[in-house]
Protein backbone atom coordinates (compact mmCIF):
# COMPACT_ATOMS: atom_id res chain seq x y z
CA MET A 1 0.23 -0.04 -0.13
CA LYS A 2 1.77 3.68 -0.66
CA TRP A 3 1.98 5.73 1.78
CA LYS A 4 -1.02 8.82 0.11
CA TYR A 5 -3.04 5.89 1.72
CA TYR A 6 -1.97 5.24 4.98
CA LEU A 7 -1.77 9.16 4.90
CA GLY A 8 -5.18 9.57 4.22
CA ALA A 9 -6.62 7.10 6.03
CA LEU A 10 -5.50 8.88 8.72
CA LEU A 11 -6.74 11.82 8.42
CA VAL A 12 -10.32 11.28 8.06
CA PHE A 13 -9.31 8.94 10.85
CA VAL A 14 -8.72 11.78 13.58
CA VAL A 15 -10.94 14.19 11.47
CA PHE A 16 -14.05 12.03 12.62
CA LEU A 17 -12.38 11.16 15.91
CA GLY A 18 -11.46 15.11 17.09
CA LEU A 19 -15.38 15.95 15.86
CA TYR A 20 -16.54 12.35 17.71
CA VAL A 21 -14.82 13.60 20.74
CA TYR A 22 -15.43 16.81 20.28
CA SER A 23 -19.45 16.21 20.12
CA LEU A 24 -19.34 14.43 23.49
CA SER A 25 -17.75 17.19 24.66
CA GLY A 26 -16.26 20.28 24.08
CA GLU A 27 -14.18 21.00 27.25
CA GLN A 28 -10.80 21.72 27.35
CA TYR A 29 -7.67 20.14 29.24
CA THR A 30 -4.74 21.70 30.48
CA TYR A 31 -1.35 20.02 31.12
CA HIS A 32 1.21 20.64 33.49
CA ILE A 33 4.50 19.94 31.81
CA PRO A 34 7.05 18.07 34.48
CA PHE A 35 9.41 20.20 36.12
CA SER A 36 8.36 23.00 34.60
CA ILE A 37 6.10 25.80 34.70
CA TYR A 38 4.75 25.46 32.19
CA THR A 39 1.52 24.60 31.10
CA ILE A 40 -0.92 23.03 27.48
CA THR A 41 -4.83 24.06 27.81
CA LEU A 42 -6.42 21.93 24.33
CA PRO A 43 -10.06 20.72 23.76
CA LEU A 44 -10.37 17.39 24.80
CA ALA A 45 -10.99 16.69 21.77
CA VAL A 46 -7.69 17.33 20.64
CA TRP A 47 -5.97 15.57 23.57
CA PHE A 48 -7.47 12.34 21.81
CA VAL A 49 -6.24 13.10 18.51
CA VAL A 50 -2.23 13.57 19.52
CA PRO A 51 -1.82 10.22 21.00
CA VAL A 52 -3.17 8.95 17.19
CA LEU A 53 -0.88 11.01 15.41
CA LEU A 54 2.34 9.89 17.36
CA PHE A 55 1.39 5.98 17.47
CA PHE A 56 0.97 6.52 13.11
CA VAL A 57 4.08 8.57 13.39
CA ILE A 58 5.73 5.66 15.71
CA ILE A 59 5.02 3.25 13.18
CA VAL A 60 6.53 5.78 10.31
CA CYS A 61 8.96 5.24 11.92
CA LEU A 62 9.14 1.66 12.40
CA ARG A 63 8.47 0.63 8.70
CA LEU A 64 11.38 3.45 7.19
CA GLY A 65 14.15 1.53 9.67
CA GLY A 66 12.56 -1.54 8.06
CA MET A 67 12.40 -0.56 4.63
CA TYR A 68 16.35 0.86 4.88
CA ARG A 69 17.62 -2.81 6.38
CA MET A 70 15.25 -4.43 3.70
CA TRP A 71 17.36 -2.04 1.15
CA ARG A 72 20.62 -2.89 2.48
CA ARG A 73 20.66 -6.33 2.50
CA GLU A 74 19.22 -6.08 -0.96
CA ASN A 75 22.03 -4.07 -1.67
CA LYS A 76 24.24 -6.83 -0.30
CA TYR A 77 23.02 -9.21 -2.46
CA LYS A 78 23.07 -7.66 -5.97
CA ASN A 79 26.58 -6.61 -5.27
CA ASP A 80 27.65 -9.98 -3.95
CA TYR A 81 25.97 -11.19 -7.33
CA LYS A 82 27.53 -8.70 -9.40
CA LEU A 83 31.44 -10.02 -7.55
CA LEU A 84 30.22 -13.86 -8.31
CA LEU A 85 29.28 -13.07 -11.78
CA GLU A 86 32.42 -11.50 -12.40
CA GLN A 87 34.92 -13.65 -10.05
CA ILE A 88 33.29 -16.28 -13.93
CA GLU A 89 33.81 -13.92 -16.49
CA ASN A 90 37.69 -14.19 -15.02
CA GLN A 91 38.30 -17.99 -14.45
CA LEU A 92 36.35 -18.16 -17.74
CA LEU A 93 39.24 -16.00 -19.10
CA ASP A 94 41.71 -17.11 -17.13
CA LYS A 95 42.43 -14.32 -15.75
CA LYS A 96 45.03 -14.11 -12.20
CA VAL A 97 42.73 -11.07 -10.50
CA SER A 98 42.68 -10.19 -6.88
CA LEU A 99 37.90 -9.50 -6.83
CA LYS A 100 36.77 -7.99 -3.69
CA GLN A 101 35.50 -10.87 -0.87
CA PRO A 102 31.44 -10.95 -1.33
CA SER A 103 30.51 -9.53 1.74
CA MET A 104 27.54 -12.28 2.64
CA ASP A 105 28.26 -15.76 4.26
CA CYS A 106 26.19 -18.11 1.86
CA TYR A 107 28.43 -16.05 -1.81
CA LYS A 108 31.59 -16.27 0.15
CA ARG A 109 31.48 -19.92 0.45
CA LEU A 110 30.01 -20.39 -2.63
CA SER A 111 32.95 -17.90 -4.18
CA ILE A 112 35.08 -20.00 -2.46
CA LEU A 113 33.70 -23.33 -4.33
CA LEU A 114 34.05 -21.36 -7.85
CA ASP A 115 37.62 -20.77 -6.88
CA ASN A 116 38.59 -24.50 -6.96
CA LEU A 117 37.27 -25.59 -10.36
CA THR A 118 38.32 -25.40 -13.38
CA PHE A 119 35.29 -24.41 -16.15
CA ASP A 120 35.23 -25.81 -19.81
CA ILE A 121 32.30 -25.00 -22.78
CA LYS A 122 30.18 -27.21 -24.10
CA LYS A 123 30.18 -28.67 -27.74
CA GLU A 124 26.30 -28.39 -27.46
CA ALA A 125 23.94 -25.49 -28.21
CA LEU A 126 24.19 -22.77 -25.95
CA VAL A 127 21.76 -21.85 -23.72
CA LYS A 128 21.18 -18.23 -23.26
CA SER A 129 21.80 -17.44 -18.99
CA GLY A 130 20.04 -13.73 -19.23
CA GLU A 131 23.59 -12.44 -18.50
CA GLY A 132 23.91 -10.69 -21.39
CA ARG A 133 28.05 -10.25 -21.26
CA LEU A 134 28.74 -13.38 -19.93
CA ASP A 135 26.18 -15.04 -22.70
CA GLU A 136 28.21 -13.80 -25.02
CA LEU A 137 31.89 -14.76 -23.63
CA LEU A 138 30.45 -18.07 -23.87
CA GLU A 139 29.87 -17.99 -27.38
CA VAL A 140 33.34 -16.84 -27.64
CA LEU A 141 34.72 -19.24 -26.27
CA GLY A 142 32.81 -22.02 -27.41
CA ASP A 143 33.95 -20.83 -31.32
CA LEU A 144 37.41 -20.64 -29.82
CA LYS A 145 37.27 -23.94 -28.80
CA GLN A 146 35.65 -25.45 -31.82
CA GLY A 147 38.87 -23.57 -33.78
CA LYS A 148 37.42 -20.64 -34.79
CA GLU A 149 38.94 -16.46 -34.68
CA VAL A 150 37.39 -14.98 -32.87
CA ASN A 151 37.54 -10.93 -31.33
CA LEU A 152 38.93 -10.61 -27.68
CA LYS A 153 39.85 -7.30 -27.58
CA ARG A 154 36.88 -6.30 -25.68
CA PHE A 155 38.07 -8.97 -23.08
CA SER A 156 40.99 -6.34 -21.67
CA LEU A 157 43.34 -10.20 -21.72
CA PRO A 158 46.83 -10.07 -20.82
CA ASN A 159 49.40 -10.46 -23.18
CA ASP A 160 50.35 -14.13 -22.03
CA SER A 161 46.59 -14.97 -22.42
CA SER A 162 45.86 -18.94 -23.19
CA LEU A 163 43.07 -17.63 -25.18
CA LYS A 164 45.41 -14.94 -27.23
CA ARG A 165 47.64 -18.03 -28.13
CA GLN A 166 44.69 -20.36 -29.36
CA ASN A 167 43.16 -17.58 -31.29
CA THR A 168 45.80 -16.52 -32.92
CA PHE A 169 46.61 -20.99 -33.90
CA ASN A 170 42.90 -20.48 -34.92
CA GLN A 171 43.72 -17.93 -36.79
CA ILE A 172 46.80 -19.62 -38.55
CA ARG A 173 45.11 -22.79 -38.99
CA ASN A 174 42.65 -20.88 -40.79
CA ASP A 175 44.63 -18.43 -42.99
CA GLU A 176 46.72 -19.69 -44.98
CA LYS A 177 47.90 -15.91 -45.83
CA PHE A 178 48.83 -15.15 -42.04
CA ALA A 179 50.04 -18.87 -41.53
CA LEU A 180 52.83 -16.95 -44.32
CA GLU A 181 53.01 -13.81 -42.56
CA VAL A 182 54.11 -15.71 -39.48
CA LEU A 183 56.88 -17.52 -40.64
CA ARG A 184 58.58 -14.01 -41.82
CA LYS A 185 58.44 -12.05 -39.20
CA SER A 186 60.75 -13.26 -36.70
CA HIS A 187 58.40 -11.47 -33.23
CA PHE A 188 56.61 -14.39 -33.38
CA GLU A 189 57.25 -17.14 -31.52
CA ASN A 190 58.14 -20.91 -32.68
CA GLU A 191 55.28 -22.75 -31.50
CA TYR A 192 53.46 -20.17 -33.93
CA LYS A 193 55.49 -21.18 -35.93
CA GLN A 194 55.49 -24.95 -36.36
CA VAL A 195 51.81 -24.56 -36.78
CA ALA A 196 52.54 -21.90 -39.37
CA LEU A 197 54.61 -24.49 -41.59
CA LYS A 198 52.29 -27.10 -41.03
CA LYS A 199 49.55 -25.65 -42.20
CA LEU A 200 51.14 -24.60 -45.32
CA LEU A 201 52.18 -27.93 -45.55
CA ASP A 202 48.91 -29.48 -45.53
CA SER A 203 48.08 -26.70 -48.27
CA GLY A 204 49.89 -28.29 -50.55
CA VAL A 205 51.55 -24.61 -50.41
CA THR A 206 55.23 -25.76 -50.86
CA LYS A 207 56.40 -23.09 -53.07
CA ASP A 208 59.21 -21.27 -51.75
CA ILE A 209 59.00 -22.92 -48.74
CA LYS A 210 62.22 -23.94 -47.51
CA HIS A 211 63.78 -20.64 -47.39
CA PHE A 212 61.99 -20.48 -44.43
CA LEU A 213 63.19 -23.86 -42.58
CA SER A 214 65.51 -22.32 -40.76
CA GLY A 215 63.54 -19.70 -38.93
CA VAL A 216 61.48 -23.01 -37.57
CA LYS A 217 63.09 -25.17 -34.57
CA MET A 218 61.61 -28.32 -36.00
CA ASP A 219 59.88 -31.18 -33.67
CA LYS A 220 59.02 -35.22 -34.43
CA SER A 221 55.75 -34.98 -35.98
CA LEU A 222 56.47 -31.22 -37.99
CA ALA A 223 59.90 -33.12 -39.46
CA ASP A 224 57.46 -36.39 -40.24
CA THR A 225 55.16 -34.15 -42.00
CA MET A 226 58.27 -33.14 -43.95
CA LEU A 227 60.15 -35.62 -45.40
CA GLY A 228 56.83 -37.33 -45.57
CA MET A 229 56.18 -34.20 -47.91
CA CYS A 230 59.23 -34.65 -49.55
CA TYR A 231 59.40 -38.33 -50.24
CA ALA A 232 56.09 -38.10 -51.41
CA LYS A 233 57.92 -35.83 -54.12
CA LYS A 234 55.82 -32.30 -53.27
CA ILE A 235 58.38 -30.90 -51.66
CA GLN A 236 62.22 -31.69 -52.38
CA LEU A 237 65.20 -31.12 -49.94
CA SER A 238 69.13 -31.85 -50.35
CA ASN A 239 70.57 -34.73 -48.62
CA GLU A 240 71.83 -31.80 -46.37
CA GLU A 241 68.41 -30.44 -45.35
CA ILE A 242 67.21 -34.29 -44.22
CA ILE A 243 70.34 -35.07 -42.69
CA LYS A 244 70.50 -31.71 -40.37
CA LEU A 245 66.04 -32.44 -39.96
CA CYS A 246 67.07 -35.50 -38.83
CA LYS A 247 69.39 -34.96 -36.60
CA GLU A 248 67.76 -31.56 -35.30
CA ILE A 249 65.58 -33.52 -34.58
CA GLY A 250 66.92 -36.10 -32.62
CA TYR A 251 65.67 -39.49 -34.57
CA THR A 252 66.62 -42.55 -33.33
CA LYS A 253 67.73 -45.57 -35.01
CA GLU A 254 63.96 -47.10 -35.19
CA ASP A 255 63.47 -43.58 -37.13
CA TYR A 256 65.74 -43.98 -40.06
CA LEU A 257 64.93 -48.02 -40.18
CA HIS A 258 60.83 -46.60 -41.08
CA LEU A 259 62.35 -43.78 -42.67
CA ALA A 260 64.25 -45.68 -44.93
CA GLN A 261 61.20 -48.32 -45.62
CA LYS A 262 59.57 -45.25 -46.59
CA MET A 263 61.61 -43.76 -48.73
CA LYS A 264 62.63 -46.96 -50.54
CA LYS A 265 59.44 -46.58 -52.50
CA CYS A 266 60.15 -42.81 -53.84
CA TYR A 267 63.47 -43.13 -54.36
CA GLU A 268 65.82 -44.42 -57.20
CA PRO A 269 68.75 -47.23 -55.60
CA GLY A 270 71.63 -44.51 -56.56
CA LEU A 271 69.82 -42.22 -54.20
CA TRP A 272 68.55 -44.00 -51.46
CA VAL A 273 72.05 -45.27 -51.06
CA GLY A 274 73.90 -42.04 -51.00
CA LEU A 275 71.25 -40.10 -48.75
CA PHE A 276 71.96 -42.93 -46.04
CA GLU A 277 75.10 -43.82 -46.45
CA SER A 278 75.90 -39.31 -45.77
CA LEU A 279 72.90 -39.82 -42.72
CA ALA A 280 74.91 -43.05 -41.51
CA ASP A 281 78.39 -40.26 -41.62
CA GLU A 282 76.87 -38.16 -39.92
CA ASP A 283 74.73 -39.84 -36.95
CA GLU A 284 75.77 -42.92 -36.01
CA LYS A 285 71.71 -43.88 -35.20
CA ALA A 286 71.76 -44.49 -39.01
CA GLU A 287 74.22 -46.69 -39.42
CA MET A 288 71.57 -49.86 -38.96
CA ALA A 289 69.28 -47.94 -41.72
CA TYR A 290 72.07 -48.10 -44.08
CA PHE A 291 72.89 -51.71 -43.12
CA TYR A 292 69.03 -52.21 -44.69
CA VAL A 293 69.57 -50.08 -47.71
CA LEU A 294 73.01 -52.14 -48.72
CA LEU A 295 71.31 -55.54 -48.19
CA ASP A 296 68.04 -55.04 -49.29
CA LEU A 297 69.68 -53.61 -52.62
CA GLU A 298 71.75 -57.18 -52.77
CA MET A 299 75.01 -54.58 -51.94
CA LEU A 300 76.73 -57.97 -49.72
CA ASP A 301 79.97 -56.70 -50.40
CA GLU A 302 79.83 -52.89 -49.63
CA ALA A 303 77.44 -54.58 -46.04
CA ARG A 304 80.74 -56.89 -45.84
CA ASP A 305 83.47 -53.36 -45.73
CA ARG A 306 80.74 -51.35 -43.59
CA LEU A 307 80.94 -54.04 -40.88
CA ASN A 308 84.31 -54.31 -40.94
CA THR A 309 84.98 -50.92 -39.38
CA TYR A 310 83.39 -52.27 -36.66
CA PRO A 311 84.35 -54.71 -34.20
CA LYS A 312 83.66 -58.30 -34.09
CA ASN A 313 81.26 -57.81 -31.54
CA GLU A 314 78.63 -55.11 -32.77
CA PHE A 315 76.05 -55.86 -35.18
CA LEU A 316 75.74 -59.06 -34.92
CA LYS A 317 71.87 -59.45 -36.51
CA ILE A 318 73.12 -57.59 -39.67
CA ARG A 319 76.39 -60.60 -39.76
CA ALA A 320 73.91 -63.31 -38.65
CA TYR A 321 72.31 -62.39 -41.95
CA LEU A 322 75.11 -61.95 -44.17
CA ASP A 323 75.94 -65.26 -42.60
CA LEU A 324 73.04 -67.49 -43.78
CA LYS A 325 72.98 -65.45 -46.73
CA SER A 326 76.08 -66.92 -48.09
CA PHE A 327 74.64 -70.28 -47.44
CA GLY A 328 72.06 -69.91 -49.22
CA LYS A 329 69.49 -69.00 -46.95
CA LYS A 330 66.51 -66.70 -47.01
CA TYR A 331 64.93 -64.85 -44.38
CA PRO A 332 62.63 -61.79 -43.98
CA LEU A 333 65.52 -59.01 -43.58
CA GLU A 334 63.08 -57.05 -41.56
CA LEU A 335 63.99 -59.84 -38.93
CA PHE A 336 67.62 -58.96 -38.39
CA LEU A 337 67.00 -54.97 -38.06
CA LEU A 338 64.03 -54.53 -36.68
CA ASP A 339 63.48 -55.37 -32.11
């Protein structure tokens, strides 16, 4: 009920009460104020109305006090709710920001629980919560997770943000021109350059790509992709470039053997032998792969000459294979090379 209705009802009640009492007695009553010489003389009807007015004033004060307490409590709820939304946003954005703790115990406990959680975005269609900023953020992060390039400028992220890094990776994977720009410019980190190089290789953009190889520190996955393009004749690498690539990523004995098996299908015998001879001379881990090439091409004398440069207790499987071969026995070569 609005205040005007209270005041209206009070006015009507006071008027009728005063008229009723006055109709019964129009006498006056004098009140001596305690501890003073002053007196107050008023009609008897007025003395009946005054307590009602005082009672109304007391009720109004109590009412206003209750409204003030409700207003303060509601403001606490609103402020704490706002703090929780801000905390959720910062956690979604992976921001390390020290926020004010909620003032109410229930929200404070909820804030601590949220702080112990790591949020992720569902792949399914997102349901709108009605909180515009957070709904927009969830939509952006959902697109980011699906590999799309998004606009993160509005969220004021630090330069080392994982979301910014992911967005850059998405931009590289979605844009060949940007991938080429990443390879050209020196300020991009090696991780970005690796993804950019793989993007161009996967897209078949191999023209002049060798110019960027010196600026990219390879990992095994990327090196395998490069060598795969090489023996598929989609990119030309010299023996020196292949040797450098294999040593840079730390090819193992097994890696060299697998490489030899793959290159067998696409390299001419002379080039195949020359490559693995160079690899074996530069990296002893490629020695077994070189023996594989020699034995596969039935270059037995060359294999024996190579073995003679090593102590007799080394490469026993190769020696056994050659001994069996000298007796006319035939066994799959891979049995003597691969563990």
